[in-house]
Amino acid sequence: MTITYGQFETVDIRVGRITRAESFPEARKPAIRLWIDFGPLIGEKKSSAQITRHYDPATLVGRQVLAVVNFPPRQIGPVMSEVLVLGVPDADGEVVLIGPGHDVPLGGKLF
């Protein structure tokens, strides 16, 4: 499916910093609950991510990630996920998080 550049611009992808991460045993598939700070304009948002193969909650705090911030919230078990954290699959199909290669200001929009 081909989209226009204007359609792409409607997807709001921002950089945030993980401020808190916890195991999420209530999820159907192994997951981690995340709290991500997107800076003063957007604030802190919650998410659930199936990233347990490569990540431990204790090692995620402080990491910058990219996330879609303008999808509607989605109920995942007892958690309301407010953003979609982005990743790509490794050779086994497990999620590897996407983030900037250098520390950048929170809330920066992908272009």
Protein backbone atom coordinates (compact mmCIF):
# COMPACT_ATOMS: atom_id res chain seq x y z
CA MET A 1 0.00 0.00 0.00
CA THR A 2 1.37 3.39 -0.99
CA ILE A 3 0.61 6.47 1.11
CA THR A 4 1.21 10.14 0.49
CA TYR A 5 3.69 12.24 2.40
CA GLY A 6 0.71 14.12 3.86
CA GLN A 7 -0.67 10.86 5.25
CA PHE A 8 2.70 10.04 6.80
CA GLU A 9 2.77 13.46 8.47
CA THR A 10 -0.42 12.58 10.38
CA VAL A 11 1.46 9.89 12.33
CA ASP A 12 3.01 11.70 15.30
CA ILE A 13 6.22 9.85 16.23
CA ARG A 14 8.12 11.40 19.15
CA VAL A 15 11.17 10.64 21.25
CA GLY A 16 10.68 9.96 24.93
CA ARG A 17 12.70 8.69 27.88
CA ILE A 18 11.61 5.66 29.88
CA THR A 19 11.21 6.81 33.49
CA ARG A 20 9.81 3.60 34.95
CA ALA A 21 9.48 -0.02 33.81
CA GLU A 22 7.79 -3.01 35.48
CA SER A 23 7.08 -6.61 34.57
CA PHE A 24 3.49 -7.06 33.38
CA PRO A 25 2.47 -10.61 34.36
CA GLU A 26 -1.24 -9.93 33.71
CA ALA A 27 -0.63 -9.58 29.95
CA ARG A 28 -1.56 -12.51 27.67
CA LYS A 29 1.98 -12.52 26.22
CA PRO A 30 5.07 -11.61 28.28
CA ALA A 31 5.32 -7.82 28.40
CA ILE A 32 6.77 -4.87 30.26
CA ARG A 33 4.80 -1.81 31.41
CA LEU A 34 6.53 1.44 30.56
CA TRP A 35 6.17 5.04 31.69
CA ILE A 36 7.70 7.36 29.11
CA ASP A 37 8.39 11.09 29.46
CA PHE A 38 7.86 13.00 26.20
CA GLY A 39 8.73 16.40 27.64
CA PRO A 40 6.55 19.32 28.75
CA LEU A 41 4.29 19.47 25.66
CA ILE A 42 3.08 15.85 25.85
CA GLY A 43 4.10 14.75 29.35
CA GLU A 44 4.41 11.21 30.66
CA LYS A 45 2.48 8.41 28.92
CA LYS A 46 2.07 4.70 29.68
CA SER A 47 2.57 1.77 27.35
CA SER A 48 2.83 -2.01 27.35
CA ALA A 49 5.47 -3.63 25.16
CA GLN A 50 6.27 -7.26 24.36
CA ILE A 51 10.01 -6.76 24.71
CA THR A 52 10.94 -9.30 27.38
CA ARG A 53 13.31 -11.31 25.14
CA HIS A 54 15.94 -8.56 24.95
CA TYR A 55 15.08 -6.22 27.83
CA ASP A 56 14.78 -6.33 31.60
CA PRO A 57 12.74 -3.60 33.34
CA ALA A 58 15.75 -2.47 35.41
CA THR A 59 17.86 -1.79 32.30
CA LEU A 60 15.20 0.22 30.45
CA VAL A 61 15.00 3.26 32.76
CA GLY A 62 16.77 6.21 31.15
CA ARG A 63 16.66 4.79 27.62
CA GLN A 64 15.28 7.01 24.84
CA VAL A 65 12.73 5.40 22.51
CA LEU A 66 10.47 6.40 19.63
CA ALA A 67 6.71 6.03 19.94
CA VAL A 68 3.52 6.95 18.13
CA VAL A 69 1.77 9.41 20.45
CA ASN A 70 -1.44 10.13 18.51
CA PHE A 71 -3.13 6.71 18.40
CA PRO A 72 -6.19 6.38 20.64
CA PRO A 73 -5.49 4.70 24.00
CA ARG A 74 -5.88 0.91 24.00
CA GLN A 75 -6.86 -1.28 26.95
CA ILE A 76 -4.36 -4.10 27.51
CA GLY A 77 -5.53 -6.13 30.50
CA PRO A 78 -5.62 -3.76 33.48
CA VAL A 79 -3.39 -1.19 31.71
CA MET A 80 -4.47 1.63 29.40
CA SER A 81 -1.69 1.87 26.81
CA GLU A 82 -1.45 5.49 25.64
CA VAL A 83 1.39 5.26 23.10
CA LEU A 84 2.82 2.66 20.72
CA VAL A 85 6.53 2.12 21.35
CA LEU A 86 8.31 1.30 18.10
CA GLY A 87 10.69 -1.55 17.37
CA VAL A 88 11.89 -3.86 14.64
CA PRO A 89 12.18 -7.66 14.66
CA ASP A 90 15.49 -9.42 15.16
CA ALA A 91 16.33 -12.62 13.23
CA ASP A 92 13.95 -14.58 15.51
CA GLY A 93 11.09 -12.08 15.25
CA GLU A 94 11.66 -10.63 18.73
CA VAL A 95 11.28 -6.87 19.22
CA VAL A 96 14.33 -4.59 19.30
CA LEU A 97 13.45 -1.04 20.37
CA ILE A 98 14.01 1.95 18.09
CA GLY A 99 15.65 5.06 19.51
CA PRO A 100 17.95 7.91 18.51
CA GLY A 101 21.66 7.23 18.19
CA HIS A 102 22.45 10.23 20.42
CA ASP A 103 20.69 11.82 23.39
CA VAL A 104 18.14 14.29 21.99
CA PRO A 105 15.54 16.64 23.52
CA LEU A 106 12.39 14.90 24.74
CA GLY A 107 9.32 15.30 22.57
CA GLY A 108 11.28 15.73 19.32
CA LYS A 109 9.17 14.72 16.31
CA LEU A 110 10.45 12.24 13.74
CA PHE A 111 10.77 13.68 10.25
